[in-house]
Amino acid sequence: MAYSINDSCIKCGACEAECPVGCISEAETKYVVDASNCVECGACAAVCPVNAPNPE
């Protein structure tokens, strides 16, 4: 199950830097995950200070 980033995202960039496949990018109000490329590793969730990334 791919990860998605909820609205609690504070746009710190920690998740983008940690993603091993580069499927996280900055959007207007938060970071977003390209679900088609997500490998479901959970690296983004492990570094997020506000627990914004979650499995869909």
C-alpha atoms as a PDB file:
ATOM      1  CA  MET A   1       0.000   0.000   0.000  1.00  0.00           C
ATOM      2  CA  ALA A   2       1.538   3.323  -1.067  1.00  0.00           C
ATOM      3  CA  TYR A   3       2.035   6.152   1.384  1.00  0.00           C
ATOM      4  CA  SER A   4       0.247   9.490   1.228  1.00  0.00           C
ATOM      5  CA  ILE A   5       0.927  12.683   3.137  1.00  0.00           C
ATOM      6  CA  ASN A   6      -1.905  14.182   5.142  1.00  0.00           C
ATOM      7  CA  ASP A   7      -2.709  17.838   5.833  1.00  0.00           C
ATOM      8  CA  SER A   8      -0.622  17.951   9.014  1.00  0.00           C
ATOM      9  CA  CYS A   9       2.465  18.298   6.763  1.00  0.00           C
ATOM     10  CA  ILE A  10       4.576  21.319   7.744  1.00  0.00           C
ATOM     11  CA  LYS A  11       6.669  21.235   4.535  1.00  0.00           C
ATOM     12  CA  CYS A  12       9.963  20.637   6.349  1.00  0.00           C
ATOM     13  CA  GLY A  13      11.348  18.481   3.510  1.00  0.00           C
ATOM     14  CA  ALA A  14      12.594  15.631   5.708  1.00  0.00           C
ATOM     15  CA  CYS A  15      10.501  13.051   3.859  1.00  0.00           C
ATOM     16  CA  GLU A  16      11.622  14.153   0.399  1.00  0.00           C
ATOM     17  CA  ALA A  17      15.280  13.879   1.363  1.00  0.00           C
ATOM     18  CA  GLU A  18      14.777  10.411   2.880  1.00  0.00           C
ATOM     19  CA  CYS A  19      12.792   8.790   0.040  1.00  0.00           C
ATOM     20  CA  PRO A  20      15.052   6.207  -1.652  1.00  0.00           C
ATOM     21  CA  VAL A  21      13.136   6.313  -4.953  1.00  0.00           C
ATOM     22  CA  GLY A  22      12.484  10.063  -5.168  1.00  0.00           C
ATOM     23  CA  CYS A  23       8.713   9.802  -5.312  1.00  0.00           C
ATOM     24  CA  ILE A  24       8.035  12.690  -2.904  1.00  0.00           C
ATOM     25  CA  SER A  25       7.808  16.241  -4.181  1.00  0.00           C
ATOM     26  CA  GLU A  26       6.807  19.631  -2.863  1.00  0.00           C
ATOM     27  CA  ALA A  27       3.332  20.866  -3.765  1.00  0.00           C
ATOM     28  CA  GLU A  28       1.652  24.157  -2.956  1.00  0.00           C
ATOM     29  CA  THR A  29       0.520  23.409   0.606  1.00  0.00           C
ATOM     30  CA  LYS A  30       2.310  20.161   1.481  1.00  0.00           C
ATOM     31  CA  TYR A  31       4.552  17.423   0.121  1.00  0.00           C
ATOM     32  CA  VAL A  32       2.947  14.715  -2.027  1.00  0.00           C
ATOM     33  CA  VAL A  33       3.800  11.101  -2.835  1.00  0.00           C
ATOM     34  CA  ASP A  34       3.684   9.695  -6.360  1.00  0.00           C
ATOM     35  CA  ALA A  35       1.855   6.497  -5.402  1.00  0.00           C
ATOM     36  CA  SER A  36       2.779   4.748  -8.642  1.00  0.00           C
ATOM     37  CA  ASN A  37       6.475   4.906  -7.701  1.00  0.00           C
ATOM     38  CA  CYS A  38       6.209   4.458  -3.919  1.00  0.00           C
ATOM     39  CA  VAL A  39       7.931   1.253  -2.745  1.00  0.00           C
ATOM     40  CA  GLU A  40       6.144   1.316   0.620  1.00  0.00           C
ATOM     41  CA  CYS A  41       9.373   1.356   2.617  1.00  0.00           C
ATOM     42  CA  GLY A  42       8.153   3.760   5.311  1.00  0.00           C
ATOM     43  CA  ALA A  43      11.338   5.829   5.309  1.00  0.00           C
ATOM     44  CA  CYS A  44       9.302   9.020   4.964  1.00  0.00           C
ATOM     45  CA  ALA A  45       7.131   8.158   7.957  1.00  0.00           C
ATOM     46  CA  ALA A  46      10.162   7.343  10.082  1.00  0.00           C
ATOM     47  CA  VAL A  47      11.643  10.847   9.744  1.00  0.00           C
ATOM     48  CA  CYS A  48       8.505  13.002   9.743  1.00  0.00           C
ATOM     49  CA  PRO A  49       8.225  15.161  12.888  1.00  0.00           C
ATOM     50  CA  VAL A  50       4.409  15.416  12.607  1.00  0.00           C
ATOM     51  CA  ASN A  51       3.531  11.890  11.383  1.00  0.00           C
ATOM     52  CA  ALA A  52       2.091  13.174   8.102  1.00  0.00           C
ATOM     53  CA  PRO A  53       3.003  10.193   5.831  1.00  0.00           C
ATOM     54  CA  ASN A  54       0.676   7.222   6.273  1.00  0.00           C
ATOM     55  CA  PRO A  55      -0.103   4.079   4.282  1.00  0.00           C
ATOM     56  CA  GLU A  56      -3.175   4.634   2.120  1.00  0.00           C
END
